[in-house]
PDB file of N, CA and C in Angstrom:
ATOM      1  N   MET A   1    -115.636  55.352  51.479  1.00  0.00           N
ATOM      2  CA  MET A   1    -114.777  56.284  50.792  1.00  0.00           C
ATOM      3  C   MET A   1    -113.601  56.545  52.819  1.00  0.00           C
ATOM      4  N   ASP A   2    -112.381  55.703  52.493  1.00  0.00           N
ATOM      5  CA  ASP A   2    -111.675  56.090  53.592  1.00  0.00           C
ATOM      6  C   ASP A   2    -111.113  57.157  53.556  1.00  0.00           C
ATOM      7  N   SER A   3    -111.539  58.395  54.485  1.00  0.00           N
ATOM      8  CA  SER A   3    -110.506  59.582  53.907  1.00  0.00           C
ATOM      9  C   SER A   3    -109.185  59.528  54.445  1.00  0.00           C
ATOM     10  N   ARG A   4    -108.530  58.566  55.046  1.00  0.00           N
ATOM     11  CA  ARG A   4    -107.585  58.798  55.475  1.00  0.00           C
ATOM     12  C   ARG A   4    -106.522  58.439  54.271  1.00  0.00           C
ATOM     13  N   LEU A   5    -106.422  58.327  53.393  1.00  0.00           N
ATOM     14  CA  LEU A   5    -105.824  58.289  52.398  1.00  0.00           C
ATOM     15  C   LEU A   5    -105.221  59.274  51.158  1.00  0.00           C
ATOM     16  N   THR A   6    -104.230  59.643  50.789  1.00  0.00           N
ATOM     17  CA  THR A   6    -103.799  60.575  50.033  1.00  0.00           C
ATOM     18  C   THR A   6    -104.146  59.759  48.783  1.00  0.00           C
ATOM     19  N   THR A   7    -103.574  61.339  48.297  1.00  0.00           N
ATOM     20  CA  THR A   7    -103.898  61.570  46.886  1.00  0.00           C
ATOM     21  C   THR A   7    -103.083  60.329  46.309  1.00  0.00           C
ATOM     22  N   GLU A   8    -101.523  60.407  46.654  1.00  0.00           N
ATOM     23  CA  GLU A   8    -100.827  59.368  46.191  1.00  0.00           C
ATOM     24  C   GLU A   8    -101.256  58.179  46.582  1.00  0.00           C
ATOM     25  N   GLU A   9    -101.555  57.711  48.077  1.00  0.00           N
ATOM     26  CA  GLU A   9    -101.847  56.330  48.403  1.00  0.00           C
ATOM     27  C   GLU A   9    -103.230  56.287  46.924  1.00  0.00           C
ATOM     28  N   VAL A  10    -104.025  56.304  46.936  1.00  0.00           N
ATOM     29  CA  VAL A  10    -105.021  56.301  46.123  1.00  0.00           C
ATOM     30  C   VAL A  10    -104.643  56.037  44.506  1.00  0.00           C
ATOM     31  N   LYS A  11    -103.616  56.563  44.251  1.00  0.00           N
ATOM     32  CA  LYS A  11    -103.082  56.859  42.962  1.00  0.00           C
ATOM     33  C   LYS A  11    -101.700  55.309  42.625  1.00  0.00           C
ATOM     34  N   MET A  12    -101.681  54.618  43.811  1.00  0.00           N
ATOM     35  CA  MET A  12    -100.787  54.119  43.830  1.00  0.00           C
ATOM     36  C   MET A  12    -101.809  52.143  43.735  1.00  0.00           C
ATOM     37  N   LEU A  13    -102.984  52.472  44.534  1.00  0.00           N
ATOM     38  CA  LEU A  13    -103.966  51.470  44.595  1.00  0.00           C
ATOM     39  C   LEU A  13    -104.450  50.870  43.115  1.00  0.00           C
ATOM     40  N   ARG A  14    -104.752  52.553  42.872  1.00  0.00           N
ATOM     41  CA  ARG A  14    -105.159  51.799  41.259  1.00  0.00           C
ATOM     42  C   ARG A  14    -104.148  51.161  40.536  1.00  0.00           C
ATOM     43  N   ALA A  15    -102.890  51.638  40.426  1.00  0.00           N
ATOM     44  CA  ALA A  15    -102.012  50.862  39.795  1.00  0.00           C
ATOM     45  C   ALA A  15    -102.068  49.719  39.993  1.00  0.00           C
ATOM     46  N   MET A  16    -101.828  49.400  41.350  1.00  0.00           N
ATOM     47  CA  MET A  16    -102.442  47.582  41.416  1.00  0.00           C
ATOM     48  C   MET A  16    -102.539  47.404  41.207  1.00  0.00           C
ATOM     49  N   ARG A  17    -104.359  47.867  40.897  1.00  0.00           N
ATOM     50  CA  ARG A  17    -105.078  47.174  40.541  1.00  0.00           C
ATOM     51  C   ARG A  17    -104.809  47.230  39.315  1.00  0.00           C
ATOM     52  N   ASP A  18    -104.213  48.038  38.464  1.00  0.00           N
ATOM     53  CA  ASP A  18    -104.361  47.867  37.037  1.00  0.00           C
ATOM     54  C   ASP A  18    -103.595  46.831  36.047  1.00  0.00           C
ATOM     55  N   ILE A  19    -102.237  46.492  37.014  1.00  0.00           N
ATOM     56  CA  ILE A  19    -101.232  45.535  36.840  1.00  0.00           C
ATOM     57  C   ILE A  19    -101.963  44.299  36.879  1.00  0.00           C
ATOM     58  N   HIS A  20    -102.204  43.377  35.528  1.00  0.00           N
ATOM     59  CA  HIS A  20    -102.729  41.918  36.197  1.00  0.00           C
ATOM     60  C   HIS A  20    -102.910  41.520  37.167  1.00  0.00           C
ATOM     61  N   SER A  21    -101.565  41.035  37.507  1.00  0.00           N
ATOM     62  CA  SER A  21    -100.944  40.320  38.910  1.00  0.00           C
ATOM     63  C   SER A  21    -101.899  40.920  39.735  1.00  0.00           C
ATOM     64  N   GLY A  22    -102.116  42.177  40.233  1.00  0.00           N
ATOM     65  CA  GLY A  22    -102.161  42.761  41.608  1.00  0.00           C
ATOM     66  C   GLY A  22    -100.919  43.162  42.764  1.00  0.00           C
ATOM     67  N   ILE A  23     -99.618  42.416  41.821  1.00  0.00           N
ATOM     68  CA  ILE A  23     -98.493  42.674  42.652  1.00  0.00           C
ATOM     69  C   ILE A  23     -97.426  43.636  42.012  1.00  0.00           C
ATOM     70  N   ALA A  24     -97.289  44.886  43.160  1.00  0.00           N
ATOM     71  CA  ALA A  24     -96.513  45.908  42.728  1.00  0.00           C
ATOM     72  C   ALA A  24     -95.105  46.038  43.660  1.00  0.00           C
ATOM     73  N   LYS A  25     -94.371  46.838  43.891  1.00  0.00           N
ATOM     74  CA  LYS A  25     -93.773  47.053  44.256  1.00  0.00           C
ATOM     75  C   LYS A  25     -94.393  48.587  44.821  1.00  0.00           C
ATOM     76  N   VAL A  26     -94.034  48.607  46.199  1.00  0.00           N
ATOM     77  CA  VAL A  26     -94.556  49.949  46.614  1.00  0.00           C
ATOM     78  C   VAL A  26     -93.663  50.436  47.716  1.00  0.00           C
ATOM     79  N   PRO A  27     -93.923  51.874  46.966  1.00  0.00           N
ATOM     80  CA  PRO A  27     -92.654  53.245  47.423  1.00  0.00           C
ATOM     81  C   PRO A  27     -92.905  52.565  49.678  1.00  0.00           C
ATOM     82  N   THR A  28     -91.821  53.024  50.013  1.00  0.00           N
ATOM     83  CA  THR A  28     -91.158  52.855  51.196  1.00  0.00           C
ATOM     84  C   THR A  28     -92.080  54.011  52.220  1.00  0.00           C
ATOM     85  N   HIS A  29     -92.450  54.853  51.448  1.00  0.00           N
ATOM     86  CA  HIS A  29     -93.415  55.265  52.934  1.00  0.00           C
ATOM     87  C   HIS A  29     -94.799  55.715  52.674  1.00  0.00           C
ATOM     88  N   ILE A  30     -94.614  54.707  51.403  1.00  0.00           N
ATOM     89  CA  ILE A  30     -96.504  54.141  51.337  1.00  0.00           C
ATOM     90  C   ILE A  30     -97.187  53.020  51.762  1.00  0.00           C
ATOM     91  N   ALA A  31     -96.139  52.043  51.466  1.00  0.00           N
ATOM     92  CA  ALA A  31     -96.539  50.603  51.962  1.00  0.00           C
ATOM     93  C   ALA A  31     -96.900  50.689  53.651  1.00  0.00           C
ATOM     94  N   PRO A  32     -95.983  51.083  54.218  1.00  0.00           N
ATOM     95  CA  PRO A  32     -96.540  50.499  55.683  1.00  0.00           C
ATOM     96  C   PRO A  32     -98.428  50.904  56.327  1.00  0.00           C
ATOM     97  N   LYS A  33     -98.393  52.228  55.520  1.00  0.00           N
ATOM     98  CA  LYS A  33     -99.920  53.174  55.876  1.00  0.00           C
ATOM     99  C   LYS A  33    -100.825  51.738  55.471  1.00  0.00           C
ATOM    100  N   LEU A  34    -100.668  51.726  54.143  1.00  0.00           N
ATOM    101  CA  LEU A  34    -101.666  51.265  53.141  1.00  0.00           C
ATOM    102  C   LEU A  34    -101.854  49.095  54.140  1.00  0.00           C
ATOM    103  N   LYS A  35    -100.538  48.658  54.415  1.00  0.00           N
ATOM    104  CA  LYS A  35    -100.833  47.692  55.223  1.00  0.00           C
ATOM    105  C   LYS A  35    -101.304  47.412  56.279  1.00  0.00           C
ATOM    106  N   LEU A  36    -100.681  48.846  57.482  1.00  0.00           N
ATOM    107  CA  LEU A  36    -101.339  48.699  58.828  1.00  0.00           C
ATOM    108  C   LEU A  36    -103.011  48.664  58.390  1.00  0.00           C
ATOM    109  N   LEU A  37    -103.800  49.717  57.280  1.00  0.00           N
ATOM    110  CA  LEU A  37    -104.910  49.756  57.250  1.00  0.00           C
ATOM    111  C   LEU A  37    -105.915  48.565  56.513  1.00  0.00           C
ATOM    112  N   GLY A  38    -104.564  47.645  55.916  1.00  0.00           N
ATOM    113  CA  GLY A  38    -105.753  46.494  55.356  1.00  0.00           C
ATOM    114  C   GLY A  38    -105.386  46.318  53.853  1.00  0.00           C
ATOM    115  N   TYR A  39    -105.234  47.577  53.088  1.00  0.00           N
ATOM    116  CA  TYR A  39    -105.064  47.010  51.564  1.00  0.00           C
ATOM    117  C   TYR A  39    -104.401  46.862  51.416  1.00  0.00           C
ATOM    118  N   VAL A  40    -103.369  46.265  51.218  1.00  0.00           N
ATOM    119  CA  VAL A  40    -102.104  45.294  50.692  1.00  0.00           C
ATOM    120  C   VAL A  40    -101.731  44.659  51.765  1.00  0.00           C
ATOM    121  N   THR A  41    -101.469  43.299  51.450  1.00  0.00           N
ATOM    122  CA  THR A  41    -100.210  42.506  51.810  1.00  0.00           C
ATOM    123  C   THR A  41     -98.752  42.467  51.544  1.00  0.00           C
ATOM    124  N   ALA A  42     -98.085  42.316  52.473  1.00  0.00           N
ATOM    125  CA  ALA A  42     -96.922  41.961  52.394  1.00  0.00           C
ATOM    126  C   ALA A  42     -96.692  40.902  51.557  1.00  0.00           C
ATOM    127  N   GLN A  43     -95.461  41.171  50.202  1.00  0.00           N
ATOM    128  CA  GLN A  43     -95.314  39.362  50.133  1.00  0.00           C
ATOM    129  C   GLN A  43     -93.512  40.033  49.490  1.00  0.00           C
ATOM    130  N   GLY A  44     -93.163  40.128  50.611  1.00  0.00           N
ATOM    131  CA  GLY A  44     -91.104  39.662  50.239  1.00  0.00           C
ATOM    132  C   GLY A  44     -91.248  41.430  50.452  1.00  0.00           C
ATOM    133  N   GLU A  45     -90.083  42.173  48.912  1.00  0.00           N
ATOM    134  CA  GLU A  45     -90.277  43.447  48.600  1.00  0.00           C
ATOM    135  C   GLU A  45     -91.427  44.296  48.068  1.00  0.00           C
ATOM    136  N   TYR A  46     -92.451  43.031  47.686  1.00  0.00           N
ATOM    137  CA  TYR A  46     -93.254  43.606  46.519  1.00  0.00           C
ATOM    138  C   TYR A  46     -94.708  43.590  47.828  1.00  0.00           C
ATOM    139  N   CYS A  47     -95.781  44.093  47.515  1.00  0.00           N
ATOM    140  CA  CYS A  47     -97.224  44.274  48.027  1.00  0.00           C
ATOM    141  C   CYS A  47     -98.447  43.566  47.014  1.00  0.00           C
ATOM    142  N   SER A  48     -99.275  42.553  47.709  1.00  0.00           N
ATOM    143  CA  SER A  48    -100.433  42.236  46.912  1.00  0.00           C
ATOM    144  C   SER A  48    -102.105  43.309  47.221  1.00  0.00           C
ATOM    145  N   LEU A  49    -102.246  43.685  46.361  1.00  0.00           N
ATOM    146  CA  LEU A  49    -103.735  44.749  47.163  1.00  0.00           C
ATOM    147  C   LEU A  49    -105.136  43.402  47.503  1.00  0.00           C
ATOM    148  N   THR A  50    -105.213  44.188  48.356  1.00  0.00           N
ATOM    149  CA  THR A  50    -106.712  42.643  49.230  1.00  0.00           C
ATOM    150  C   THR A  50    -107.818  43.135  48.327  1.00  0.00           C
ATOM    151  N   MET A  51    -108.605  42.454  48.827  1.00  0.00           N
ATOM    152  CA  MET A  51    -110.294  42.533  48.755  1.00  0.00           C
ATOM    153  C   MET A  51    -110.692  43.886  49.315  1.00  0.00           C
ATOM    154  N   LYS A  52    -110.068  44.506  50.205  1.00  0.00           N
ATOM    155  CA  LYS A  52    -110.282  45.283  50.824  1.00  0.00           C
ATOM    156  C   LYS A  52    -109.853  46.742  50.110  1.00  0.00           C
ATOM    157  N   GLY A  53    -109.173  46.517  49.967  1.00  0.00           N
ATOM    158  CA  GLY A  53    -107.716  47.716  48.551  1.00  0.00           C
ATOM    159  C   GLY A  53    -108.905  47.333  47.592  1.00  0.00           C
ATOM    160  N   ARG A  54    -109.513  46.954  46.636  1.00  0.00           N
ATOM    161  CA  ARG A  54    -110.015  46.512  46.131  1.00  0.00           C
ATOM    162  C   ARG A  54    -111.612  47.246  46.038  1.00  0.00           C
ATOM    163  N   ASP A  55    -112.037  47.583  46.798  1.00  0.00           N
ATOM    164  CA  ASP A  55    -113.354  47.774  47.653  1.00  0.00           C
ATOM    165  C   ASP A  55    -113.714  49.217  47.685  1.00  0.00           C
ATOM    166  N   GLU A  56    -112.407  49.273  47.846  1.00  0.00           N
ATOM    167  CA  GLU A  56    -112.169  50.795  48.486  1.00  0.00           C
ATOM    168  C   GLU A  56    -111.957  51.980  46.879  1.00  0.00           C
ATOM    169  N   LEU A  57    -111.465  51.054  46.104  1.00  0.00           N
ATOM    170  CA  LEU A  57    -111.133  51.741  44.707  1.00  0.00           C
ATOM    171  C   LEU A  57    -112.727  52.159  43.868  1.00  0.00           C
ATOM    172  N   ILE A  58    -113.413  50.831  44.122  1.00  0.00           N
ATOM    173  CA  ILE A  58    -114.834  50.607  43.666  1.00  0.00           C
ATOM    174  C   ILE A  58    -116.051  51.749  44.311  1.00  0.00           C
ATOM    175  N   ASP A  59    -115.313  51.757  45.772  1.00  0.00           N
ATOM    176  CA  ASP A  59    -116.416  52.968  45.992  1.00  0.00           C
ATOM    177  C   ASP A  59    -115.628  54.754  45.777  1.00  0.00           C
ATOM    178  N   ARG A  60    -114.375  54.556  45.419  1.00  0.00           N
ATOM    179  CA  ARG A  60    -113.867  55.541  44.828  1.00  0.00           C
ATOM    180  C   ARG A  60    -114.267  55.760  43.503  1.00  0.00           C
ATOM    181  N   ASP A  61    -114.861  54.991  43.137  1.00  0.00           N
ATOM    182  CA  ASP A  61    -115.132  54.664  41.569  1.00  0.00           C
ATOM    183  C   ASP A  61    -116.428  55.751  41.153  1.00  0.00           C
ATOM    184  N   ARG A  62    -117.507  54.579  42.344  1.00  0.00           N
ATOM    185  CA  ARG A  62    -118.784  55.204  42.323  1.00  0.00           C
ATOM    186  C   ARG A  62    -119.175  56.337  42.541  1.00  0.00           C
ATOM    187  N   GLU A  63    -118.384  57.096  43.771  1.00  0.00           N
ATOM    188  CA  GLU A  63    -118.024  58.324  44.476  1.00  0.00           C
ATOM    189  C   GLU A  63    -118.130  59.052  42.446  1.00  0.00           C
ATOM    190  N   ASP A  64    -116.567  59.125  42.121  1.00  0.00           N
ATOM    191  CA  ASP A  64    -116.267  59.597  41.125  1.00  0.00           C
ATOM    192  C   ASP A  64    -117.640  59.572  40.092  1.00  0.00           C
ATOM    193  N   ALA A  65    -118.034  58.666  39.610  1.00  0.00           N
ATOM    194  CA  ALA A  65    -118.914  58.681  38.547  1.00  0.00           C
ATOM    195  C   ALA A  65    -120.489  58.935  39.145  1.00  0.00           C
ATOM    196  N   ARG A  66    -120.868  59.495  40.608  1.00  0.00           N
ATOM    197  CA  ARG A  66    -121.603  60.305  41.087  1.00  0.00           C
ATOM    198  C   ARG A  66    -121.121  61.278  40.884  1.00  0.00           C
ATOM    199  N   MET A  67    -120.404  61.938  41.233  1.00  0.00           N
ATOM    200  CA  MET A  67    -119.769  63.470  40.970  1.00  0.00           C
ATOM    201  C   MET A  67    -120.251  64.422  39.383  1.00  0.00           C
ATOM    202  N   ASN A  68    -119.516  62.966  38.600  1.00  0.00           N
ATOM    203  CA  ASN A  68    -119.916  63.534  37.595  1.00  0.00           C
ATOM    204  C   ASN A  68    -121.020  63.818  36.980  1.00  0.00           C
TER     205      ASN A  68
END
């Protein structure tokens, strides 16, 4: 799990995962960091979730399940 991500950034990644296409408009204050870390790729004004982003969410889901 990447501890550099804020709750808001993780929520955005989860929202992108839950969208069928995986492509969403990401707020401008979140997009640069997610791009820099490799969790999303830019597609014009929209961003697409990468496999690294999906893997991060899987790790977080596993950790949440283990904590409960």
